[in-house]
Amino acid sequence: MNAEKPRVLLLFPGPKYRIRSLFQERLINLSEHFQGALVTISGNDERLQIGRFEVLLIGSDAPTSMKSTVQMFRKTNELMRLYKAQGKPIDLVVAYDPLKIGLMGVLLAKLNNCRLAVEVNGDFASDANYLDYKSALKRRIKKLAMLLTEWFVLRFATGAKLLFDRQLDHFSRLTSIPVVRVFPDYVDLSNFKPGVQLNKILVAGFPFKIKGFL
């Protein structure tokens, strides 16, 4: 008999649309070794099954509001408690960022007695992240708030995914993470067609000013 696959809960900030095109290949590949759930905010409430993962979509007209964040936390906690009551508790919570979603991951992991892994998806010590704020004071306050949040979340993590080796050097005394790995985010290469030339420009992520956009 095959050993039971570890159960993982994936938390993604929203809103996310076209869910199957975003997550299907990723979840199918993960299903070879894991099972569990993915939770994010979308346009409508919906439940999907992709591979061994249940996808819980939380509908919201204001996906970045505090209300939608509280709703996502509440419904995710209910889902985790349901799994536990069924004898299938979550083993690991994975938070896509070390900020708002990371804080949610800390609370969910503590409440449900499981481990937490955090994806550190930006260099929040870099001043380039705050160029979109015109006021120098706002830039300093935003940077301090993000660094404090990142530090707090990572203190509770048992693992972290980094983009490059020295990404956390600004936290010289942050030694609580036992497992750290460096690798880029998942990219579905099947969408790229070799030899096809298109006159389009892709601008991914922020801050926009550092990429030449005003």
N, C-alpha and C. Protein backbone atom coordinates (compact mmCIF):
# COMPACT_ATOMS: atom_id res chain seq x y z
N MET A 1 0.85 -1.20 0.00
CA MET A 1 0.00 0.00 0.00
C MET A 1 0.88 1.25 0.00
N ASN A 2 0.53 2.24 -0.81
CA ASN A 2 1.28 3.48 -0.88
C ASN A 2 1.13 4.29 0.39
N ALA A 3 2.22 4.95 0.79
CA ALA A 3 2.17 5.81 1.97
C ALA A 3 1.28 7.01 1.69
N GLU A 4 0.63 7.49 2.73
CA GLU A 4 -0.24 8.65 2.60
C GLU A 4 0.59 9.87 2.20
N LYS A 5 0.12 10.60 1.21
CA LYS A 5 0.85 11.78 0.76
C LYS A 5 0.65 12.92 1.75
N PRO A 6 1.71 13.71 2.02
CA PRO A 6 1.58 14.86 2.93
C PRO A 6 0.53 15.85 2.41
N ARG A 7 -0.18 16.48 3.34
CA ARG A 7 -1.23 17.43 2.98
C ARG A 7 -0.71 18.86 3.13
N VAL A 8 -0.86 19.63 2.05
CA VAL A 8 -0.33 20.99 1.97
C VAL A 8 -1.46 21.96 1.67
N LEU A 9 -1.44 23.08 2.35
CA LEU A 9 -2.39 24.17 2.07
C LEU A 9 -1.63 25.32 1.45
N LEU A 10 -2.01 25.71 0.23
CA LEU A 10 -1.36 26.80 -0.50
C LEU A 10 -2.22 28.05 -0.42
N LEU A 11 -1.63 29.16 0.07
CA LEU A 11 -2.35 30.43 0.18
C LEU A 11 -1.81 31.41 -0.84
N PHE A 12 -2.70 31.92 -1.71
CA PHE A 12 -2.30 32.89 -2.72
C PHE A 12 -3.11 34.17 -2.56
N PRO A 13 -2.46 35.35 -2.66
CA PRO A 13 -3.23 36.59 -2.65
C PRO A 13 -4.05 36.71 -3.91
N GLY A 14 -5.12 37.46 -3.84
CA GLY A 14 -5.98 37.60 -5.01
C GLY A 14 -6.03 39.04 -5.50
N PRO A 15 -6.84 39.27 -6.52
CA PRO A 15 -7.72 38.27 -7.12
C PRO A 15 -7.00 37.43 -8.18
N LYS A 16 -7.43 36.17 -8.30
CA LYS A 16 -6.92 35.28 -9.34
C LYS A 16 -8.10 34.85 -10.21
N TYR A 17 -7.89 34.92 -11.53
CA TYR A 17 -8.90 34.50 -12.49
C TYR A 17 -8.27 33.46 -13.42
N ARG A 18 -9.11 32.86 -14.27
CA ARG A 18 -8.62 31.81 -15.19
C ARG A 18 -7.80 30.80 -14.39
N ILE A 19 -8.43 30.22 -13.38
CA ILE A 19 -7.75 29.41 -12.39
C ILE A 19 -7.05 28.20 -13.00
N ARG A 20 -7.71 27.53 -13.91
CA ARG A 20 -7.09 26.33 -14.47
C ARG A 20 -5.83 26.67 -15.27
N SER A 21 -5.85 27.77 -16.01
CA SER A 21 -4.66 28.13 -16.77
C SER A 21 -3.52 28.56 -15.84
N LEU A 22 -3.87 29.10 -14.68
CA LEU A 22 -2.85 29.54 -13.72
C LEU A 22 -2.25 28.39 -12.93
N PHE A 23 -3.11 27.46 -12.49
CA PHE A 23 -2.68 26.50 -11.48
C PHE A 23 -2.74 25.03 -11.89
N GLN A 24 -3.40 24.71 -13.00
CA GLN A 24 -3.65 23.31 -13.29
C GLN A 24 -2.37 22.49 -13.40
N GLU A 25 -1.42 22.92 -14.22
CA GLU A 25 -0.20 22.12 -14.40
C GLU A 25 0.59 22.05 -13.10
N ARG A 26 0.65 23.17 -12.37
CA ARG A 26 1.37 23.19 -11.10
C ARG A 26 0.78 22.17 -10.11
N LEU A 27 -0.56 22.17 -10.00
CA LEU A 27 -1.20 21.28 -9.04
C LEU A 27 -1.14 19.82 -9.48
N ILE A 28 -1.23 19.58 -10.78
CA ILE A 28 -1.09 18.22 -11.28
C ILE A 28 0.30 17.68 -10.96
N ASN A 29 1.33 18.49 -11.16
CA ASN A 29 2.69 18.06 -10.83
C ASN A 29 2.87 17.86 -9.33
N LEU A 30 2.33 18.76 -8.53
CA LEU A 30 2.43 18.62 -7.08
C LEU A 30 1.71 17.37 -6.59
N SER A 31 0.66 16.96 -7.31
CA SER A 31 -0.14 15.82 -6.89
C SER A 31 0.64 14.51 -6.92
N GLU A 32 1.79 14.48 -7.59
CA GLU A 32 2.61 13.28 -7.59
C GLU A 32 3.17 12.99 -6.21
N HIS A 33 3.33 14.04 -5.40
CA HIS A 33 3.96 13.86 -4.09
C HIS A 33 3.14 14.41 -2.93
N PHE A 34 2.13 15.26 -3.23
CA PHE A 34 1.37 15.92 -2.18
C PHE A 34 -0.12 15.88 -2.50
N GLN A 35 -0.91 16.28 -1.51
CA GLN A 35 -2.35 16.49 -1.68
C GLN A 35 -2.72 17.65 -0.77
N GLY A 36 -3.96 18.15 -0.92
CA GLY A 36 -4.36 19.24 -0.03
C GLY A 36 -5.30 20.22 -0.69
N ALA A 37 -5.02 21.52 -0.50
CA ALA A 37 -5.93 22.55 -0.98
C ALA A 37 -5.16 23.81 -1.36
N LEU A 38 -5.78 24.58 -2.25
CA LEU A 38 -5.28 25.91 -2.62
C LEU A 38 -6.42 26.88 -2.38
N VAL A 39 -6.13 28.00 -1.71
CA VAL A 39 -7.15 29.00 -1.40
C VAL A 39 -6.71 30.35 -1.93
N THR A 40 -7.62 31.04 -2.62
CA THR A 40 -7.34 32.39 -3.10
C THR A 40 -8.66 33.14 -3.27
N ILE A 41 -8.55 34.43 -3.51
CA ILE A 41 -9.72 35.27 -3.76
C ILE A 41 -9.94 35.39 -5.26
N SER A 42 -11.20 35.34 -5.67
CA SER A 42 -11.53 35.42 -7.09
C SER A 42 -12.83 36.22 -7.26
N GLY A 43 -13.42 36.11 -8.45
CA GLY A 43 -14.63 36.88 -8.72
C GLY A 43 -15.88 36.28 -8.10
N ASN A 44 -15.92 34.94 -7.97
CA ASN A 44 -17.09 34.25 -7.44
C ASN A 44 -16.66 33.12 -6.52
N ASP A 45 -17.56 32.75 -5.60
CA ASP A 45 -17.33 31.58 -4.77
C ASP A 45 -17.40 30.33 -5.65
N GLU A 46 -16.40 29.48 -5.52
CA GLU A 46 -16.38 28.26 -6.33
C GLU A 46 -15.42 27.26 -5.71
N ARG A 47 -15.71 25.98 -5.92
CA ARG A 47 -14.80 24.91 -5.50
C ARG A 47 -14.47 24.06 -6.73
N LEU A 48 -13.19 23.79 -6.91
CA LEU A 48 -12.72 22.97 -8.01
C LEU A 48 -11.86 21.84 -7.47
N GLN A 49 -11.72 20.80 -8.25
CA GLN A 49 -10.79 19.73 -7.92
C GLN A 49 -9.78 19.62 -9.04
N ILE A 50 -8.51 19.84 -8.74
CA ILE A 50 -7.44 19.73 -9.73
C ILE A 50 -6.41 18.74 -9.17
N GLY A 51 -6.30 17.60 -9.80
CA GLY A 51 -5.42 16.58 -9.27
C GLY A 51 -5.86 16.16 -7.88
N ARG A 52 -4.93 16.13 -6.95
CA ARG A 52 -5.23 15.78 -5.55
C ARG A 52 -5.49 17.02 -4.70
N PHE A 53 -5.73 18.16 -5.34
CA PHE A 53 -5.93 19.41 -4.61
C PHE A 53 -7.34 19.96 -4.81
N GLU A 54 -7.94 20.36 -3.69
CA GLU A 54 -9.20 21.10 -3.73
C GLU A 54 -8.86 22.58 -3.85
N VAL A 55 -9.50 23.26 -4.77
CA VAL A 55 -9.27 24.69 -4.96
C VAL A 55 -10.50 25.44 -4.45
N LEU A 56 -10.27 26.27 -3.44
CA LEU A 56 -11.34 27.05 -2.83
C LEU A 56 -11.20 28.51 -3.28
N LEU A 57 -12.17 28.98 -4.07
CA LEU A 57 -12.17 30.36 -4.55
C LEU A 57 -13.18 31.15 -3.73
N ILE A 58 -12.73 32.30 -3.22
CA ILE A 58 -13.57 33.14 -2.37
C ILE A 58 -13.94 34.39 -3.15
N GLY A 59 -15.20 34.52 -3.52
CA GLY A 59 -15.65 35.64 -4.33
C GLY A 59 -15.65 36.95 -3.58
N SER A 60 -15.16 38.02 -4.24
CA SER A 60 -15.12 39.34 -3.60
C SER A 60 -15.11 40.43 -4.66
N ASP A 61 -15.86 41.50 -4.41
CA ASP A 61 -15.84 42.66 -5.30
C ASP A 61 -14.70 43.61 -4.94
N ALA A 62 -14.14 43.44 -3.75
CA ALA A 62 -13.02 44.28 -3.29
C ALA A 62 -11.92 43.36 -2.79
N PRO A 63 -11.17 42.72 -3.69
CA PRO A 63 -10.25 41.65 -3.30
C PRO A 63 -9.09 42.09 -2.42
N THR A 64 -8.74 43.37 -2.40
CA THR A 64 -7.63 43.82 -1.58
C THR A 64 -8.09 44.45 -0.26
N SER A 65 -9.38 44.41 0.01
CA SER A 65 -9.92 45.03 1.22
C SER A 65 -9.70 44.16 2.44
N MET A 66 -9.79 44.78 3.62
CA MET A 66 -9.67 44.04 4.86
C MET A 66 -10.80 43.02 5.00
N LYS A 67 -11.98 43.39 4.51
CA LYS A 67 -13.12 42.48 4.58
C LYS A 67 -12.84 41.18 3.85
N SER A 68 -12.28 41.26 2.64
CA SER A 68 -12.00 40.05 1.88
C SER A 68 -10.88 39.24 2.53
N THR A 69 -9.93 39.93 3.16
CA THR A 69 -8.86 39.22 3.86
C THR A 69 -9.40 38.43 5.04
N VAL A 70 -10.27 39.07 5.82
CA VAL A 70 -10.88 38.39 6.97
C VAL A 70 -11.72 37.21 6.49
N GLN A 71 -12.45 37.41 5.39
CA GLN A 71 -13.28 36.33 4.85
C GLN A 71 -12.42 35.16 4.39
N MET A 72 -11.29 35.45 3.74
CA MET A 72 -10.39 34.40 3.29
C MET A 72 -9.83 33.63 4.49
N PHE A 73 -9.44 34.35 5.53
CA PHE A 73 -8.91 33.70 6.72
C PHE A 73 -9.97 32.80 7.36
N ARG A 74 -11.18 33.32 7.51
CA ARG A 74 -12.23 32.56 8.19
C ARG A 74 -12.57 31.27 7.43
N LYS A 75 -12.73 31.39 6.11
CA LYS A 75 -13.10 30.22 5.32
C LYS A 75 -11.96 29.20 5.24
N THR A 76 -10.73 29.69 5.21
CA THR A 76 -9.59 28.78 5.18
C THR A 76 -9.47 28.03 6.51
N ASN A 77 -9.67 28.73 7.60
CA ASN A 77 -9.61 28.08 8.91
C ASN A 77 -10.72 27.03 9.04
N GLU A 78 -11.91 27.35 8.53
CA GLU A 78 -13.00 26.38 8.55
C GLU A 78 -12.64 25.13 7.74
N LEU A 79 -11.99 25.35 6.59
CA LEU A 79 -11.59 24.22 5.75
C LEU A 79 -10.56 23.35 6.46
N MET A 80 -9.59 23.98 7.11
CA MET A 80 -8.55 23.22 7.82
C MET A 80 -9.16 22.43 8.98
N ARG A 81 -10.11 23.03 9.69
CA ARG A 81 -10.75 22.33 10.80
C ARG A 81 -11.59 21.15 10.29
N LEU A 82 -12.21 21.31 9.13
CA LEU A 82 -12.97 20.23 8.53
C LEU A 82 -12.06 19.06 8.18
N TYR A 83 -10.92 19.36 7.57
CA TYR A 83 -9.97 18.30 7.24
C TYR A 83 -9.52 17.56 8.49
N LYS A 84 -9.25 18.33 9.57
CA LYS A 84 -8.81 17.71 10.82
C LYS A 84 -9.90 16.82 11.40
N ALA A 85 -11.15 17.27 11.36
CA ALA A 85 -12.27 16.48 11.87
C ALA A 85 -12.45 15.19 11.08
N GLN A 86 -12.06 15.20 9.80
CA GLN A 86 -12.16 14.02 8.95
C GLN A 86 -10.95 13.11 9.08
N GLY A 87 -10.03 13.48 9.99
CA GLY A 87 -8.82 12.68 10.16
C GLY A 87 -7.78 12.92 9.09
N LYS A 88 -7.86 14.08 8.41
CA LYS A 88 -6.93 14.41 7.33
C LYS A 88 -6.33 15.81 7.55
N PRO A 89 -5.64 16.02 8.68
CA PRO A 89 -5.15 17.37 9.00
C PRO A 89 -4.07 17.84 8.02
N ILE A 90 -4.02 19.14 7.84
CA ILE A 90 -2.98 19.76 7.00
C ILE A 90 -1.64 19.67 7.72
N ASP A 91 -0.60 19.27 6.99
CA ASP A 91 0.74 19.15 7.55
C ASP A 91 1.55 20.43 7.42
N LEU A 92 1.29 21.17 6.34
CA LEU A 92 2.11 22.35 6.04
C LEU A 92 1.28 23.43 5.38
N VAL A 93 1.39 24.66 5.88
CA VAL A 93 0.80 25.83 5.23
C VAL A 93 1.89 26.54 4.45
N VAL A 94 1.62 26.86 3.18
CA VAL A 94 2.59 27.59 2.35
C VAL A 94 1.99 28.94 1.98
N ALA A 95 2.64 30.01 2.40
CA ALA A 95 2.19 31.37 2.12
C ALA A 95 3.00 31.94 0.97
N TYR A 96 2.30 32.51 -0.03
CA TYR A 96 2.99 33.00 -1.23
C TYR A 96 3.85 34.22 -0.95
N ASP A 97 3.52 35.02 0.06
CA ASP A 97 4.36 36.17 0.37
C ASP A 97 4.54 36.28 1.89
N PRO A 98 5.54 37.06 2.34
CA PRO A 98 5.78 37.20 3.77
C PRO A 98 5.07 38.40 4.38
N LEU A 99 4.05 38.90 3.71
CA LEU A 99 3.36 40.10 4.17
C LEU A 99 1.95 39.73 4.63
N LYS A 100 0.90 40.21 3.98
CA LYS A 100 -0.47 39.95 4.42
C LYS A 100 -0.79 38.46 4.41
N ILE A 101 -0.44 37.79 3.32
CA ILE A 101 -0.70 36.36 3.24
C ILE A 101 0.18 35.62 4.25
N GLY A 102 1.39 36.12 4.47
CA GLY A 102 2.26 35.52 5.46
C GLY A 102 1.69 35.60 6.87
N LEU A 103 1.13 36.76 7.22
CA LEU A 103 0.49 36.90 8.53
C LEU A 103 -0.67 35.93 8.67
N MET A 104 -1.45 35.78 7.61
CA MET A 104 -2.55 34.82 7.63
C MET A 104 -2.00 33.40 7.84
N GLY A 105 -0.90 33.09 7.16
CA GLY A 105 -0.30 31.78 7.30
C GLY A 105 0.17 31.50 8.72
N VAL A 106 0.76 32.51 9.37
CA VAL A 106 1.20 32.35 10.76
C VAL A 106 0.03 31.98 11.65
N LEU A 107 -1.07 32.72 11.54
CA LEU A 107 -2.25 32.46 12.38
C LEU A 107 -2.84 31.09 12.11
N LEU A 108 -2.98 30.73 10.83
CA LEU A 108 -3.57 29.44 10.48
C LEU A 108 -2.69 28.29 10.96
N ALA A 109 -1.38 28.42 10.82
CA ALA A 109 -0.47 27.37 11.26
C ALA A 109 -0.53 27.20 12.77
N LYS A 110 -0.58 28.32 13.50
CA LYS A 110 -0.65 28.26 14.96
C LYS A 110 -1.98 27.65 15.42
N LEU A 111 -3.08 28.10 14.83
CA LEU A 111 -4.40 27.62 15.25
C LEU A 111 -4.60 26.14 14.94
N ASN A 112 -3.93 25.65 13.91
CA ASN A 112 -4.16 24.27 13.48
C ASN A 112 -2.94 23.38 13.72
N ASN A 113 -1.98 23.89 14.46
CA ASN A 113 -0.83 23.08 14.92
C ASN A 113 -0.10 22.40 13.76
N CYS A 114 0.30 23.21 12.78
CA CYS A 114 1.07 22.65 11.67
C CYS A 114 2.21 23.60 11.32
N ARG A 115 3.04 23.18 10.41
CA ARG A 115 4.21 23.96 10.06
C ARG A 115 3.88 25.01 8.98
N LEU A 116 4.79 25.98 8.85
CA LEU A 116 4.60 27.08 7.90
C LEU A 116 5.84 27.24 7.03
N ALA A 117 5.63 27.35 5.72
CA ALA A 117 6.69 27.70 4.78
C ALA A 117 6.29 28.99 4.08
N VAL A 118 7.25 29.87 3.85
CA VAL A 118 6.97 31.19 3.29
C VAL A 118 7.80 31.43 2.04
N GLU A 119 7.13 31.88 0.99
CA GLU A 119 7.84 32.30 -0.21
C GLU A 119 8.18 33.79 -0.08
N VAL A 120 9.46 34.11 -0.09
CA VAL A 120 9.89 35.50 0.00
C VAL A 120 10.04 36.01 -1.43
N ASN A 121 8.97 36.64 -1.93
CA ASN A 121 8.88 36.94 -3.37
C ASN A 121 9.33 38.34 -3.72
N GLY A 122 10.18 38.94 -2.90
CA GLY A 122 10.70 40.27 -3.21
C GLY A 122 11.82 40.66 -2.26
N ASP A 123 12.64 41.61 -2.69
CA ASP A 123 13.70 42.14 -1.83
C ASP A 123 13.16 43.41 -1.17
N PHE A 124 12.52 43.25 -0.03
CA PHE A 124 11.82 44.37 0.59
C PHE A 124 12.76 45.37 1.27
N ALA A 125 14.06 45.05 1.32
CA ALA A 125 15.03 46.01 1.83
C ALA A 125 15.50 46.98 0.75
N SER A 126 15.19 46.68 -0.50
CA SER A 126 15.62 47.53 -1.61
C SER A 126 14.73 48.77 -1.72
N ASP A 127 15.36 49.93 -1.81
CA ASP A 127 14.61 51.18 -1.95
C ASP A 127 13.82 51.24 -3.26
N ALA A 128 14.21 50.41 -4.24
CA ALA A 128 13.52 50.41 -5.54
C ALA A 128 12.05 50.02 -5.40
N ASN A 129 11.72 49.25 -4.36
CA ASN A 129 10.34 48.81 -4.17
C ASN A 129 9.40 49.94 -3.80
N TYR A 130 9.93 51.08 -3.43
CA TYR A 130 9.10 52.15 -2.87
C TYR A 130 9.14 53.42 -3.71
N LEU A 131 9.64 53.30 -4.94
CA LEU A 131 9.77 54.47 -5.80
C LEU A 131 8.43 55.03 -6.23
N ASP A 132 7.37 54.23 -6.18
CA ASP A 132 6.06 54.71 -6.60
C ASP A 132 5.44 55.68 -5.61
N TYR A 133 6.02 55.80 -4.42
CA TYR A 133 5.54 56.77 -3.43
C TYR A 133 6.31 58.08 -3.59
N LYS A 134 5.59 59.18 -3.81
CA LYS A 134 6.26 60.47 -4.07
C LYS A 134 6.90 61.04 -2.82
N SER A 135 6.29 60.84 -1.67
CA SER A 135 6.79 61.40 -0.42
C SER A 135 7.91 60.53 0.16
N ALA A 136 9.03 61.16 0.53
CA ALA A 136 10.13 60.43 1.15
C ALA A 136 9.71 59.82 2.48
N LEU A 137 8.86 60.54 3.21
CA LEU A 137 8.38 60.03 4.48
C LEU A 137 7.52 58.77 4.28
N LYS A 138 6.65 58.81 3.30
CA LYS A 138 5.82 57.63 3.00
C LYS A 138 6.67 56.45 2.58
N ARG A 139 7.73 56.73 1.82
CA ARG A 139 8.62 55.64 1.41
C ARG A 139 9.28 54.99 2.61
N ARG A 140 9.74 55.82 3.56
CA ARG A 140 10.40 55.28 4.75
C ARG A 140 9.42 54.48 5.61
N ILE A 141 8.21 55.01 5.79
CA ILE A 141 7.21 54.33 6.62
C ILE A 141 6.80 53.01 5.98
N LYS A 142 6.57 53.02 4.67
CA LYS A 142 6.17 51.79 3.98
C LYS A 142 7.27 50.74 4.06
N LYS A 143 8.51 51.16 3.86
CA LYS A 143 9.63 50.22 3.92
C LYS A 143 9.75 49.62 5.31
N LEU A 144 9.66 50.44 6.34
CA LEU A 144 9.76 49.95 7.71
C LEU A 144 8.64 48.96 8.02
N ALA A 145 7.41 49.31 7.60
CA ALA A 145 6.27 48.44 7.87
C ALA A 145 6.43 47.08 7.18
N MET A 146 6.90 47.08 5.95
CA MET A 146 7.05 45.83 5.22
C MET A 146 8.18 44.98 5.79
N LEU A 147 9.27 45.62 6.18
CA LEU A 147 10.39 44.87 6.75
C LEU A 147 10.02 44.26 8.10
N LEU A 148 9.29 45.02 8.93
CA LEU A 148 8.86 44.49 10.22
C LEU A 148 7.90 43.32 10.04
N THR A 149 6.99 43.44 9.08
CA THR A 149 6.06 42.35 8.82
C THR A 149 6.80 41.12 8.31
N GLU A 150 7.72 41.32 7.38
CA GLU A 150 8.51 40.20 6.85
C GLU A 150 9.28 39.51 7.97
N TRP A 151 9.93 40.28 8.82
CA TRP A 151 10.71 39.72 9.94
C TRP A 151 9.82 38.93 10.88
N PHE A 152 8.65 39.49 11.22
CA PHE A 152 7.73 38.82 12.13
C PHE A 152 7.27 37.48 11.57
N VAL A 153 6.86 37.48 10.30
CA VAL A 153 6.36 36.26 9.67
C VAL A 153 7.45 35.20 9.60
N LEU A 154 8.65 35.58 9.19
CA LEU A 154 9.73 34.60 9.03
C LEU A 154 10.19 34.00 10.35
N ARG A 155 9.96 34.71 11.45
CA ARG A 155 10.30 34.16 12.76
C ARG A 155 9.51 32.90 13.07
N PHE A 156 8.35 32.74 12.46
CA PHE A 156 7.49 31.59 12.73
C PHE A 156 7.59 30.52 11.65
N ALA A 157 8.39 30.77 10.62
CA ALA A 157 8.48 29.83 9.50
C ALA A 157 9.46 28.71 9.79
N THR A 158 9.12 27.50 9.36
CA THR A 158 10.04 26.38 9.44
C THR A 158 10.75 26.15 8.11
N GLY A 159 10.37 26.92 7.11
CA GLY A 159 11.03 26.85 5.82
C GLY A 159 10.76 28.10 5.02
N ALA A 160 11.66 28.44 4.11
CA ALA A 160 11.49 29.63 3.28
C ALA A 160 12.01 29.36 1.88
N LYS A 161 11.31 29.90 0.89
CA LYS A 161 11.75 29.86 -0.51
C LYS A 161 12.23 31.25 -0.89
N LEU A 162 13.48 31.35 -1.32
CA LEU A 162 14.06 32.63 -1.70
C LEU A 162 14.27 32.70 -3.21
N LEU A 163 14.43 33.92 -3.69
CA LEU A 163 14.72 34.13 -5.11
C LEU A 163 16.21 34.15 -5.39
N PHE A 164 17.01 34.56 -4.39
CA PHE A 164 18.47 34.57 -4.56
C PHE A 164 19.11 34.37 -3.18
N ASP A 165 20.39 33.99 -3.17
CA ASP A 165 21.05 33.51 -1.97
C ASP A 165 21.06 34.50 -0.81
N ARG A 166 21.29 35.77 -1.07
CA ARG A 166 21.50 36.73 0.02
C ARG A 166 20.26 37.61 0.22
N GLN A 167 19.12 37.08 -0.08
CA GLN A 167 17.88 37.86 -0.03
C GLN A 167 17.51 38.30 1.38
N LEU A 168 17.94 37.57 2.39
CA LEU A 168 17.58 37.91 3.77
C LEU A 168 18.77 38.45 4.57
N ASP A 169 19.80 38.91 3.88
CA ASP A 169 20.98 39.42 4.59
C ASP A 169 20.67 40.63 5.46
N HIS A 170 19.61 41.38 5.15
CA HIS A 170 19.27 42.55 5.96
C HIS A 170 18.75 42.14 7.34
N PHE A 171 18.43 40.86 7.52
CA PHE A 171 18.05 40.36 8.83
C PHE A 171 19.22 39.55 9.39
N SER A 172 20.22 40.22 9.88
CA SER A 172 21.45 39.54 10.30
C SER A 172 21.23 38.58 11.46
N ARG A 173 20.18 38.82 12.26
CA ARG A 173 19.95 37.97 13.43
C ARG A 173 18.76 37.03 13.26
N LEU A 174 18.26 36.91 12.04
CA LEU A 174 17.14 36.02 11.79
C LEU A 174 17.68 34.62 11.55
N THR A 175 17.67 33.79 12.59
CA THR A 175 18.27 32.46 12.51
C THR A 175 17.26 31.36 12.81
N SER A 176 15.98 31.70 12.82
CA SER A 176 14.98 30.73 13.26
C SER A 176 14.50 29.79 12.16
N ILE A 177 14.87 30.03 10.90
CA ILE A 177 14.36 29.21 9.80
C ILE A 177 15.32 28.05 9.56
N PRO A 178 14.91 26.81 9.85
CA PRO A 178 15.83 25.69 9.69
C PRO A 178 16.07 25.26 8.26
N VAL A 179 15.12 25.53 7.34
CA VAL A 179 15.24 25.08 5.96
C VAL A 179 15.05 26.27 5.04
N VAL A 180 16.05 26.57 4.23
CA VAL A 180 15.97 27.67 3.25
C VAL A 180 16.40 27.12 1.90
N ARG A 181 15.59 27.35 0.88
CA ARG A 181 15.93 26.93 -0.47
C ARG A 181 15.80 28.12 -1.42
N VAL A 182 16.61 28.12 -2.45
CA VAL A 182 16.60 29.19 -3.44
C VAL A 182 16.24 28.60 -4.80
N PHE A 183 15.12 29.03 -5.37
CA PHE A 183 14.75 28.62 -6.72
C PHE A 183 13.70 29.59 -7.23
N PRO A 184 13.61 29.79 -8.55
CA PRO A 184 12.64 30.73 -9.12
C PRO A 184 11.22 30.19 -9.02
N ASP A 185 10.26 31.06 -9.21
CA ASP A 185 8.86 30.65 -9.16
C ASP A 185 8.55 29.75 -10.36
N TYR A 186 7.49 28.97 -10.19
CA TYR A 186 7.07 28.04 -11.25
C TYR A 186 6.60 28.81 -12.49
N VAL A 187 7.04 28.37 -13.65
CA VAL A 187 6.61 28.95 -14.92
C VAL A 187 6.21 27.83 -15.87
N ASP A 188 5.02 27.91 -16.41
CA ASP A 188 4.51 26.92 -17.37
C ASP A 188 5.06 27.27 -18.75
N LEU A 189 6.09 26.56 -19.19
CA LEU A 189 6.75 26.87 -20.46
C LEU A 189 5.95 26.43 -21.67
N SER A 190 4.87 25.65 -21.44
CA SER A 190 4.09 25.19 -22.58
C SER A 190 3.38 26.33 -23.30
N ASN A 191 3.24 27.48 -22.64
CA ASN A 191 2.58 28.64 -23.26
C ASN A 191 3.49 29.40 -24.21
N PHE A 192 4.78 29.08 -24.20
CA PHE A 192 5.74 29.78 -25.06
C PHE A 192 6.00 28.92 -26.30
N LYS A 193 5.77 29.52 -27.47
CA LYS A 193 5.92 28.79 -28.73
C LYS A 193 7.22 29.20 -29.42
N PRO A 194 8.18 28.29 -29.54
CA PRO A 194 9.45 28.64 -30.18
C PRO A 194 9.26 29.05 -31.64
N GLY A 195 9.99 30.08 -32.03
CA GLY A 195 9.95 30.53 -33.41
C GLY A 195 8.84 31.51 -33.74
N VAL A 196 7.93 31.76 -32.79
CA VAL A 196 6.83 32.69 -33.04
C VAL A 196 7.25 34.08 -32.57
N GLN A 197 7.13 35.06 -33.46
CA GLN A 197 7.51 36.43 -33.13
C GLN A 197 6.25 37.29 -32.98
N LEU A 198 6.12 37.92 -31.79
CA LEU A 198 4.99 38.80 -31.53
C LEU A 198 5.50 40.17 -31.11
N ASN A 199 4.86 41.20 -31.59
CA ASN A 199 5.26 42.57 -31.24
C ASN A 199 4.56 43.00 -29.96
N LYS A 200 4.95 42.37 -28.86
CA LYS A 200 4.35 42.68 -27.57
C LYS A 200 5.44 42.82 -26.52
N ILE A 201 5.14 43.60 -25.48
CA ILE A 201 6.07 43.79 -24.37
C ILE A 201 5.40 43.28 -23.10
N LEU A 202 6.10 42.47 -22.34
CA LEU A 202 5.59 41.97 -21.07
C LEU A 202 6.26 42.72 -19.93
N VAL A 203 5.46 43.34 -19.08
CA VAL A 203 5.97 43.99 -17.87
C VAL A 203 5.38 43.24 -16.69
N ALA A 204 6.21 42.54 -15.94
CA ALA A 204 5.73 41.70 -14.85
C ALA A 204 6.10 42.33 -13.51
N GLY A 205 5.09 42.52 -12.67
CA GLY A 205 5.35 42.97 -11.30
C GLY A 205 5.56 44.46 -11.18
N PHE A 206 6.02 44.85 -10.02
CA PHE A 206 6.22 46.25 -9.66
C PHE A 206 7.54 46.33 -8.90
N PRO A 207 8.11 47.51 -8.61
CA PRO A 207 7.57 48.84 -8.89
C PRO A 207 7.73 49.21 -10.36
N PHE A 208 6.78 49.99 -10.87
CA PHE A 208 6.76 50.29 -12.29
C PHE A 208 7.83 51.31 -12.69
N LYS A 209 8.17 52.23 -11.80
CA LYS A 209 9.12 53.28 -12.18
C LYS A 209 10.49 52.72 -12.51
N ILE A 210 10.90 51.69 -11.79
CA ILE A 210 12.22 51.14 -12.04
C ILE A 210 12.29 50.45 -13.39
N LYS A 211 11.13 50.18 -13.99
CA LYS A 211 11.07 49.56 -15.31
C LYS A 211 10.77 50.58 -16.41
N GLY A 212 10.82 51.86 -16.05
CA GLY A 212 10.66 52.90 -17.04
C GLY A 212 9.26 53.38 -17.28
N PHE A 213 8.31 52.99 -16.43
CA PHE A 213 6.93 53.43 -16.58
C PHE A 213 6.63 54.51 -15.56
N LEU A 214 5.96 55.57 -15.98
CA LEU A 214 5.64 56.68 -15.08
C LEU A 214 4.22 56.56 -14.60
